[in-house]
Amino acid sequence: MPRVRHYFENGQFVHITTRTRAGEFFLASDASKEIVVQTLRGYEGKGAYQVLTYVVMNNHFHMVVVVRDAKGVAEAIGRLKGVSSRRIGWLMGVRGPIWERRFDDNVIQSERELAQVIEYVHYNPVRAGLVDNPHAYPWSSAFEPEHVKGFSGQSVL
């Protein structure tokens, strides 16, 4: 299958999702989830995107970002997946990539849609039956005390 080209513009709010290879539970351990969180935060620090919200599940993760460097976002996601794949693979004794090659992205068009997507992301562990409250799931930005800012800079939580 040919590679999908991702087109981003600076200032866009984007929901990004990526899954593990064949849906395997490579992220079931806390150590694997911590690697993903550290890596997505590390690449945030390089300036291509600002993370507004995220959740790391057993076989995928979601994040909502603000694009800061339109040309660098796809590369940053690729590197995030490559680095975390190597680290998790080493941890678990798995050879080869742990992620599917592709990632999905959806541009968020309004403040209302942003609030809906953030709620969707945060409620992933609740829908999966892992916790009763999204704030109780430690591998999510809902667990963190900071508030997510929307289009207008106002809190959307």
N, C-alpha and C. Protein backbone atom coordinates (compact mmCIF):
# COMPACT_ATOMS: atom_id res chain seq x y z
N MET A 1 0.85 -1.17 0.00
CA MET A 1 0.00 0.00 0.00
C MET A 1 0.90 1.24 0.00
N PRO A 2 0.60 2.23 -0.84
CA PRO A 2 1.44 3.43 -0.89
C PRO A 2 1.34 4.23 0.40
N ARG A 3 2.38 4.98 0.68
CA ARG A 3 2.39 5.82 1.87
C ARG A 3 1.37 6.94 1.74
N VAL A 4 0.74 7.27 2.83
CA VAL A 4 -0.22 8.36 2.88
C VAL A 4 0.54 9.64 3.18
N ARG A 5 0.27 10.67 2.41
CA ARG A 5 0.89 11.97 2.68
C ARG A 5 0.01 12.73 3.66
N HIS A 6 0.63 13.31 4.63
CA HIS A 6 -0.08 14.10 5.64
C HIS A 6 0.21 15.57 5.37
N TYR A 7 -0.84 16.36 5.34
CA TYR A 7 -0.71 17.80 5.11
C TYR A 7 -1.17 18.55 6.35
N PHE A 8 -0.28 19.34 6.90
CA PHE A 8 -0.58 20.10 8.10
C PHE A 8 -0.32 21.58 7.84
N GLU A 9 -0.99 22.41 8.62
CA GLU A 9 -0.74 23.85 8.59
C GLU A 9 -0.47 24.31 10.01
N ASN A 10 0.44 25.26 10.14
CA ASN A 10 0.73 25.79 11.47
C ASN A 10 -0.55 26.33 12.11
N GLY A 11 -0.70 26.04 13.39
CA GLY A 11 -1.86 26.51 14.14
C GLY A 11 -3.05 25.56 14.12
N GLN A 12 -3.02 24.53 13.28
CA GLN A 12 -4.12 23.57 13.25
C GLN A 12 -4.14 22.75 14.53
N PHE A 13 -5.35 22.36 14.92
CA PHE A 13 -5.56 21.38 15.98
C PHE A 13 -5.80 20.06 15.27
N VAL A 14 -5.04 19.02 15.64
CA VAL A 14 -5.10 17.75 14.93
C VAL A 14 -5.18 16.60 15.93
N HIS A 15 -6.10 15.66 15.65
CA HIS A 15 -6.22 14.43 16.42
C HIS A 15 -5.42 13.36 15.68
N ILE A 16 -4.42 12.81 16.35
CA ILE A 16 -3.54 11.80 15.76
C ILE A 16 -3.71 10.49 16.52
N THR A 17 -3.83 9.41 15.76
CA THR A 17 -3.97 8.08 16.34
C THR A 17 -3.01 7.14 15.62
N THR A 18 -2.39 6.26 16.37
CA THR A 18 -1.60 5.20 15.75
C THR A 18 -1.78 3.93 16.56
N ARG A 19 -1.69 2.82 15.85
CA ARG A 19 -1.95 1.50 16.45
C ARG A 19 -0.70 0.64 16.40
N THR A 20 -0.67 -0.34 17.29
CA THR A 20 0.44 -1.29 17.28
C THR A 20 0.25 -2.29 16.14
N ARG A 21 1.33 -2.89 15.76
CA ARG A 21 1.32 -3.90 14.69
C ARG A 21 0.33 -5.02 15.03
N ALA A 22 -0.60 -5.27 14.11
CA ALA A 22 -1.61 -6.33 14.25
C ALA A 22 -2.44 -6.19 15.53
N GLY A 23 -2.48 -4.99 16.10
CA GLY A 23 -3.28 -4.78 17.31
C GLY A 23 -2.75 -5.48 18.54
N GLU A 24 -1.49 -5.94 18.47
CA GLU A 24 -0.92 -6.65 19.63
C GLU A 24 -0.78 -5.70 20.82
N PHE A 25 -0.86 -6.25 22.01
CA PHE A 25 -0.82 -5.46 23.23
C PHE A 25 0.63 -5.17 23.67
N PHE A 26 1.39 -4.57 22.79
CA PHE A 26 2.77 -4.21 23.11
C PHE A 26 2.85 -3.14 24.19
N LEU A 27 1.75 -2.43 24.43
CA LEU A 27 1.76 -1.34 25.40
C LEU A 27 1.04 -1.72 26.68
N ALA A 28 0.88 -3.00 26.95
CA ALA A 28 0.14 -3.44 28.12
C ALA A 28 0.84 -3.13 29.44
N SER A 29 2.16 -3.06 29.42
CA SER A 29 2.87 -2.79 30.68
C SER A 29 2.98 -1.29 30.93
N ASP A 30 3.07 -0.94 32.22
CA ASP A 30 3.28 0.46 32.58
C ASP A 30 4.59 0.98 32.00
N ALA A 31 5.61 0.14 31.95
CA ALA A 31 6.91 0.56 31.42
C ALA A 31 6.80 0.93 29.94
N SER A 32 6.04 0.16 29.18
CA SER A 32 5.85 0.48 27.76
C SER A 32 5.07 1.78 27.59
N LYS A 33 4.04 1.95 28.39
CA LYS A 33 3.24 3.19 28.31
C LYS A 33 4.11 4.40 28.68
N GLU A 34 4.94 4.23 29.69
CA GLU A 34 5.83 5.33 30.11
C GLU A 34 6.78 5.71 28.98
N ILE A 35 7.28 4.74 28.24
CA ILE A 35 8.16 5.02 27.11
C ILE A 35 7.43 5.87 26.08
N VAL A 36 6.18 5.54 25.78
CA VAL A 36 5.41 6.32 24.80
C VAL A 36 5.21 7.74 25.30
N VAL A 37 4.81 7.90 26.56
CA VAL A 37 4.58 9.25 27.10
C VAL A 37 5.87 10.06 27.08
N GLN A 38 6.97 9.49 27.54
CA GLN A 38 8.25 10.20 27.53
C GLN A 38 8.65 10.60 26.12
N THR A 39 8.45 9.70 25.16
CA THR A 39 8.86 9.98 23.79
C THR A 39 7.97 11.03 23.15
N LEU A 40 6.65 10.96 23.34
CA LEU A 40 5.79 11.99 22.74
C LEU A 40 6.06 13.35 23.36
N ARG A 41 6.36 13.39 24.66
CA ARG A 41 6.72 14.66 25.30
C ARG A 41 8.09 15.14 24.83
N GLY A 42 9.01 14.21 24.61
CA GLY A 42 10.34 14.57 24.12
C GLY A 42 10.28 15.21 22.75
N TYR A 43 9.48 14.64 21.86
CA TYR A 43 9.36 15.23 20.52
C TYR A 43 8.53 16.50 20.55
N GLU A 44 7.65 16.65 21.53
CA GLU A 44 6.95 17.92 21.70
C GLU A 44 7.98 19.03 21.94
N GLY A 45 8.99 18.73 22.74
CA GLY A 45 10.03 19.70 23.07
C GLY A 45 10.87 20.12 21.88
N LYS A 46 10.82 19.36 20.80
CA LYS A 46 11.58 19.71 19.60
C LYS A 46 10.84 20.71 18.72
N GLY A 47 9.56 20.99 19.05
CA GLY A 47 8.87 22.12 18.44
C GLY A 47 7.93 21.87 17.29
N ALA A 48 7.75 20.65 16.80
CA ALA A 48 6.85 20.43 15.67
C ALA A 48 5.39 20.51 16.09
N TYR A 49 5.10 20.14 17.33
CA TYR A 49 3.73 20.15 17.82
C TYR A 49 3.72 20.43 19.32
N GLN A 50 2.56 20.88 19.79
CA GLN A 50 2.31 21.04 21.22
C GLN A 50 1.19 20.07 21.57
N VAL A 51 1.42 19.21 22.54
CA VAL A 51 0.41 18.24 22.95
C VAL A 51 -0.64 18.93 23.82
N LEU A 52 -1.90 18.79 23.42
CA LEU A 52 -3.00 19.29 24.25
C LEU A 52 -3.55 18.19 25.14
N THR A 53 -3.66 16.99 24.58
CA THR A 53 -4.19 15.86 25.32
C THR A 53 -3.69 14.56 24.70
N TYR A 54 -3.63 13.51 25.50
CA TYR A 54 -3.19 12.21 24.99
C TYR A 54 -3.74 11.11 25.88
N VAL A 55 -3.73 9.90 25.34
CA VAL A 55 -3.98 8.69 26.12
C VAL A 55 -3.21 7.56 25.46
N VAL A 56 -2.58 6.73 26.28
CA VAL A 56 -1.86 5.55 25.78
C VAL A 56 -2.62 4.33 26.27
N MET A 57 -3.12 3.55 25.32
CA MET A 57 -3.87 2.34 25.62
C MET A 57 -2.95 1.13 25.38
N ASN A 58 -3.46 -0.07 25.50
CA ASN A 58 -2.63 -1.27 25.37
C ASN A 58 -2.16 -1.54 23.94
N ASN A 59 -2.90 -1.04 22.95
CA ASN A 59 -2.51 -1.30 21.56
C ASN A 59 -2.61 -0.08 20.65
N HIS A 60 -2.73 1.09 21.21
CA HIS A 60 -2.77 2.31 20.40
C HIS A 60 -2.61 3.53 21.31
N PHE A 61 -2.39 4.68 20.68
CA PHE A 61 -2.47 5.92 21.44
C PHE A 61 -3.13 6.99 20.60
N HIS A 62 -3.70 7.96 21.31
CA HIS A 62 -4.31 9.14 20.70
C HIS A 62 -3.58 10.35 21.26
N MET A 63 -3.46 11.37 20.45
CA MET A 63 -3.06 12.67 20.98
C MET A 63 -3.70 13.75 20.15
N VAL A 64 -4.00 14.85 20.80
CA VAL A 64 -4.48 16.04 20.12
C VAL A 64 -3.36 17.06 20.27
N VAL A 65 -2.96 17.61 19.13
CA VAL A 65 -1.84 18.54 19.12
C VAL A 65 -2.21 19.83 18.41
N VAL A 66 -1.44 20.85 18.71
CA VAL A 66 -1.45 22.07 17.91
C VAL A 66 -0.19 22.01 17.06
N VAL A 67 -0.34 22.17 15.76
CA VAL A 67 0.80 22.12 14.85
C VAL A 67 1.61 23.40 15.00
N ARG A 68 2.90 23.24 15.26
CA ARG A 68 3.82 24.38 15.38
C ARG A 68 4.77 24.47 14.19
N ASP A 69 5.10 23.33 13.59
CA ASP A 69 5.97 23.27 12.42
C ASP A 69 5.34 22.29 11.44
N ALA A 70 4.55 22.82 10.50
CA ALA A 70 3.77 21.98 9.59
C ALA A 70 4.63 20.98 8.84
N LYS A 71 5.83 21.37 8.47
CA LYS A 71 6.70 20.47 7.71
C LYS A 71 7.31 19.38 8.59
N GLY A 72 7.35 19.60 9.90
CA GLY A 72 8.02 18.67 10.79
C GLY A 72 7.14 17.69 11.54
N VAL A 73 5.82 17.85 11.47
CA VAL A 73 4.93 17.00 12.28
C VAL A 73 5.01 15.54 11.88
N ALA A 74 4.84 15.24 10.60
CA ALA A 74 4.87 13.83 10.17
C ALA A 74 6.21 13.19 10.51
N GLU A 75 7.29 13.94 10.32
CA GLU A 75 8.61 13.41 10.66
C GLU A 75 8.72 13.16 12.16
N ALA A 76 8.21 14.09 12.97
CA ALA A 76 8.27 13.92 14.43
C ALA A 76 7.47 12.69 14.87
N ILE A 77 6.30 12.46 14.25
CA ILE A 77 5.50 11.29 14.61
C ILE A 77 6.26 10.02 14.20
N GLY A 78 6.86 10.05 13.02
CA GLY A 78 7.67 8.90 12.57
C GLY A 78 8.81 8.60 13.52
N ARG A 79 9.49 9.64 13.97
CA ARG A 79 10.60 9.44 14.90
C ARG A 79 10.10 8.97 16.27
N LEU A 80 8.99 9.54 16.73
CA LEU A 80 8.38 9.11 17.99
C LEU A 80 8.10 7.62 17.93
N LYS A 81 7.51 7.16 16.82
CA LYS A 81 7.19 5.75 16.68
C LYS A 81 8.46 4.91 16.57
N GLY A 82 9.47 5.39 15.86
CA GLY A 82 10.71 4.64 15.71
C GLY A 82 11.45 4.48 17.03
N VAL A 83 11.62 5.58 17.75
CA VAL A 83 12.34 5.55 19.02
C VAL A 83 11.59 4.69 20.04
N SER A 84 10.28 4.91 20.17
CA SER A 84 9.52 4.13 21.15
C SER A 84 9.49 2.65 20.75
N SER A 85 9.44 2.37 19.46
CA SER A 85 9.44 0.99 18.99
C SER A 85 10.73 0.27 19.40
N ARG A 86 11.85 0.93 19.21
CA ARG A 86 13.13 0.31 19.59
C ARG A 86 13.21 0.09 21.10
N ARG A 87 12.80 1.10 21.87
CA ARG A 87 12.88 0.98 23.32
C ARG A 87 11.93 -0.08 23.87
N ILE A 88 10.70 -0.10 23.36
CA ILE A 88 9.72 -1.09 23.83
C ILE A 88 10.13 -2.48 23.34
N GLY A 89 10.61 -2.57 22.12
CA GLY A 89 11.08 -3.85 21.59
C GLY A 89 12.20 -4.43 22.44
N TRP A 90 13.14 -3.57 22.81
CA TRP A 90 14.25 -4.01 23.67
C TRP A 90 13.70 -4.48 25.02
N LEU A 91 12.79 -3.71 25.59
CA LEU A 91 12.18 -4.04 26.88
C LEU A 91 11.46 -5.39 26.84
N MET A 92 10.75 -5.64 25.75
CA MET A 92 9.91 -6.84 25.64
C MET A 92 10.58 -7.99 24.90
N GLY A 93 11.75 -7.76 24.32
CA GLY A 93 12.40 -8.80 23.54
C GLY A 93 11.72 -9.04 22.20
N VAL A 94 11.14 -7.99 21.64
CA VAL A 94 10.44 -8.08 20.36
C VAL A 94 11.33 -7.48 19.28
N ARG A 95 11.46 -8.19 18.17
CA ARG A 95 12.26 -7.68 17.05
C ARG A 95 11.32 -7.01 16.04
N GLY A 96 11.84 -5.98 15.40
CA GLY A 96 11.06 -5.28 14.38
C GLY A 96 10.16 -4.23 14.99
N PRO A 97 9.48 -3.49 14.14
CA PRO A 97 8.63 -2.39 14.62
C PRO A 97 7.43 -2.91 15.40
N ILE A 98 7.03 -2.14 16.39
CA ILE A 98 5.83 -2.51 17.14
C ILE A 98 4.60 -1.75 16.62
N TRP A 99 4.81 -0.70 15.83
CA TRP A 99 3.72 0.13 15.33
C TRP A 99 3.37 -0.22 13.90
N GLU A 100 2.10 0.00 13.53
CA GLU A 100 1.73 0.00 12.13
C GLU A 100 2.50 1.13 11.45
N ARG A 101 2.74 1.01 10.17
CA ARG A 101 3.48 2.04 9.45
C ARG A 101 2.76 3.38 9.45
N ARG A 102 1.47 3.32 9.32
CA ARG A 102 0.69 4.55 9.15
C ARG A 102 0.23 5.12 10.49
N PHE A 103 -0.16 6.38 10.44
CA PHE A 103 -0.91 6.97 11.54
C PHE A 103 -2.06 7.74 10.93
N ASP A 104 -3.13 7.89 11.69
CA ASP A 104 -4.31 8.62 11.22
C ASP A 104 -4.29 10.01 11.82
N ASP A 105 -4.73 10.98 11.04
CA ASP A 105 -4.84 12.34 11.55
C ASP A 105 -6.13 12.97 11.05
N ASN A 106 -6.76 13.73 11.91
CA ASN A 106 -7.98 14.44 11.58
C ASN A 106 -7.86 15.87 12.09
N VAL A 107 -8.02 16.82 11.19
CA VAL A 107 -7.97 18.23 11.57
C VAL A 107 -9.27 18.58 12.29
N ILE A 108 -9.14 19.28 13.40
CA ILE A 108 -10.28 19.69 14.22
C ILE A 108 -10.69 21.08 13.76
N GLN A 109 -11.98 21.25 13.46
CA GLN A 109 -12.46 22.46 12.80
C GLN A 109 -13.05 23.52 13.73
N SER A 110 -13.41 23.16 14.95
CA SER A 110 -14.09 24.13 15.81
C SER A 110 -13.79 23.86 17.28
N GLU A 111 -14.10 24.82 18.10
CA GLU A 111 -13.95 24.68 19.55
C GLU A 111 -14.83 23.54 20.07
N ARG A 112 -16.03 23.44 19.53
CA ARG A 112 -16.95 22.37 19.95
C ARG A 112 -16.37 21.00 19.60
N GLU A 113 -15.86 20.86 18.37
CA GLU A 113 -15.27 19.59 17.96
C GLU A 113 -14.03 19.28 18.81
N LEU A 114 -13.23 20.30 19.14
CA LEU A 114 -12.06 20.10 19.98
C LEU A 114 -12.46 19.52 21.33
N ALA A 115 -13.48 20.10 21.95
CA ALA A 115 -13.96 19.61 23.25
C ALA A 115 -14.46 18.17 23.13
N GLN A 116 -15.15 17.84 22.04
CA GLN A 116 -15.65 16.48 21.83
C GLN A 116 -14.51 15.49 21.65
N VAL A 117 -13.50 15.87 20.89
CA VAL A 117 -12.36 14.97 20.65
C VAL A 117 -11.57 14.76 21.94
N ILE A 118 -11.36 15.82 22.70
CA ILE A 118 -10.65 15.69 23.98
C ILE A 118 -11.41 14.75 24.90
N GLU A 119 -12.72 14.89 24.97
CA GLU A 119 -13.52 13.99 25.79
C GLU A 119 -13.41 12.55 25.28
N TYR A 120 -13.48 12.38 23.96
CA TYR A 120 -13.34 11.04 23.37
C TYR A 120 -12.00 10.42 23.76
N VAL A 121 -10.92 11.18 23.64
CA VAL A 121 -9.58 10.69 23.97
C VAL A 121 -9.51 10.31 25.44
N HIS A 122 -9.95 11.20 26.31
CA HIS A 122 -9.86 10.94 27.75
C HIS A 122 -10.73 9.79 28.21
N TYR A 123 -11.85 9.54 27.54
CA TYR A 123 -12.75 8.47 27.97
C TYR A 123 -12.40 7.11 27.37
N ASN A 124 -11.33 7.01 26.58
CA ASN A 124 -10.90 5.71 26.04
C ASN A 124 -10.73 4.66 27.13
N PRO A 125 -10.00 4.93 28.21
CA PRO A 125 -9.83 3.90 29.24
C PRO A 125 -11.12 3.56 29.98
N VAL A 126 -12.05 4.50 30.06
CA VAL A 126 -13.34 4.23 30.68
C VAL A 126 -14.13 3.27 29.79
N ARG A 127 -14.20 3.57 28.49
CA ARG A 127 -14.91 2.70 27.55
C ARG A 127 -14.29 1.30 27.50
N ALA A 128 -12.98 1.21 27.71
CA ALA A 128 -12.30 -0.10 27.71
C ALA A 128 -12.46 -0.84 29.03
N GLY A 129 -13.10 -0.21 30.03
CA GLY A 129 -13.33 -0.87 31.31
C GLY A 129 -12.11 -0.88 32.22
N LEU A 130 -11.13 -0.02 31.94
CA LEU A 130 -9.91 0.00 32.75
C LEU A 130 -10.06 0.85 34.01
N VAL A 131 -10.88 1.89 33.94
CA VAL A 131 -11.13 2.77 35.08
C VAL A 131 -12.58 3.26 34.99
N ASP A 132 -13.08 3.79 36.10
CA ASP A 132 -14.43 4.35 36.10
C ASP A 132 -14.43 5.84 35.79
N ASN A 133 -13.28 6.46 35.95
CA ASN A 133 -13.16 7.91 35.78
C ASN A 133 -11.89 8.19 34.97
N PRO A 134 -11.95 8.99 33.92
CA PRO A 134 -10.76 9.23 33.11
C PRO A 134 -9.60 9.84 33.89
N HIS A 135 -9.90 10.55 34.96
CA HIS A 135 -8.84 11.18 35.77
C HIS A 135 -8.07 10.17 36.60
N ALA A 136 -8.55 8.93 36.65
CA ALA A 136 -7.88 7.87 37.41
C ALA A 136 -6.90 7.07 36.57
N TYR A 137 -6.85 7.33 35.27
CA TYR A 137 -5.97 6.56 34.37
C TYR A 137 -4.64 7.28 34.22
N PRO A 138 -3.55 6.70 34.72
CA PRO A 138 -2.28 7.43 34.78
C PRO A 138 -1.59 7.64 33.43
N TRP A 139 -2.05 7.01 32.36
CA TRP A 139 -1.38 7.14 31.06
C TRP A 139 -2.19 8.03 30.14
N SER A 140 -2.70 9.10 30.73
CA SER A 140 -3.55 10.05 30.01
C SER A 140 -3.31 11.45 30.56
N SER A 141 -3.48 12.43 29.69
CA SER A 141 -3.37 13.81 30.16
C SER A 141 -4.51 14.16 31.10
N ALA A 142 -5.59 13.39 31.13
CA ALA A 142 -6.68 13.63 32.09
C ALA A 142 -6.20 13.43 33.51
N PHE A 143 -5.16 12.63 33.69
CA PHE A 143 -4.58 12.34 34.99
C PHE A 143 -3.75 13.52 35.50
N GLU A 144 -3.25 14.32 34.57
CA GLU A 144 -2.40 15.46 34.90
C GLU A 144 -3.23 16.63 35.38
N PRO A 145 -2.71 17.44 36.27
CA PRO A 145 -3.49 18.54 36.84
C PRO A 145 -3.68 19.74 35.90
N GLU A 146 -2.92 19.81 34.82
CA GLU A 146 -3.04 20.97 33.92
C GLU A 146 -4.32 20.90 33.11
N HIS A 147 -4.78 22.06 32.65
CA HIS A 147 -5.99 22.13 31.84
C HIS A 147 -5.61 22.33 30.38
N VAL A 148 -6.42 21.77 29.53
CA VAL A 148 -6.22 21.88 28.09
C VAL A 148 -6.83 23.18 27.60
N LYS A 149 -6.09 23.90 26.77
CA LYS A 149 -6.58 25.16 26.21
C LYS A 149 -7.10 24.94 24.80
N GLY A 150 -8.17 25.61 24.46
CA GLY A 150 -8.80 25.47 23.16
C GLY A 150 -8.42 26.57 22.19
N PHE A 151 -9.21 26.75 21.17
CA PHE A 151 -8.97 27.73 20.12
C PHE A 151 -8.79 29.13 20.69
N SER A 152 -9.60 29.48 21.66
CA SER A 152 -9.59 30.84 22.22
C SER A 152 -8.61 30.99 23.38
N GLY A 153 -7.93 29.92 23.77
CA GLY A 153 -7.03 29.97 24.90
C GLY A 153 -7.73 29.67 26.22
N GLN A 154 -9.05 29.46 26.17
CA GLN A 154 -9.82 29.15 27.37
C GLN A 154 -9.75 27.64 27.64
N SER A 155 -9.89 27.27 28.91
CA SER A 155 -9.88 25.86 29.27
C SER A 155 -11.07 25.15 28.64
N VAL A 156 -10.83 23.96 28.08
CA VAL A 156 -11.94 23.19 27.51
C VAL A 156 -12.26 21.97 28.36
N LEU A 157 -11.66 21.86 29.53
CA LEU A 157 -11.95 20.74 30.43
C LEU A 157 -12.99 21.14 31.46
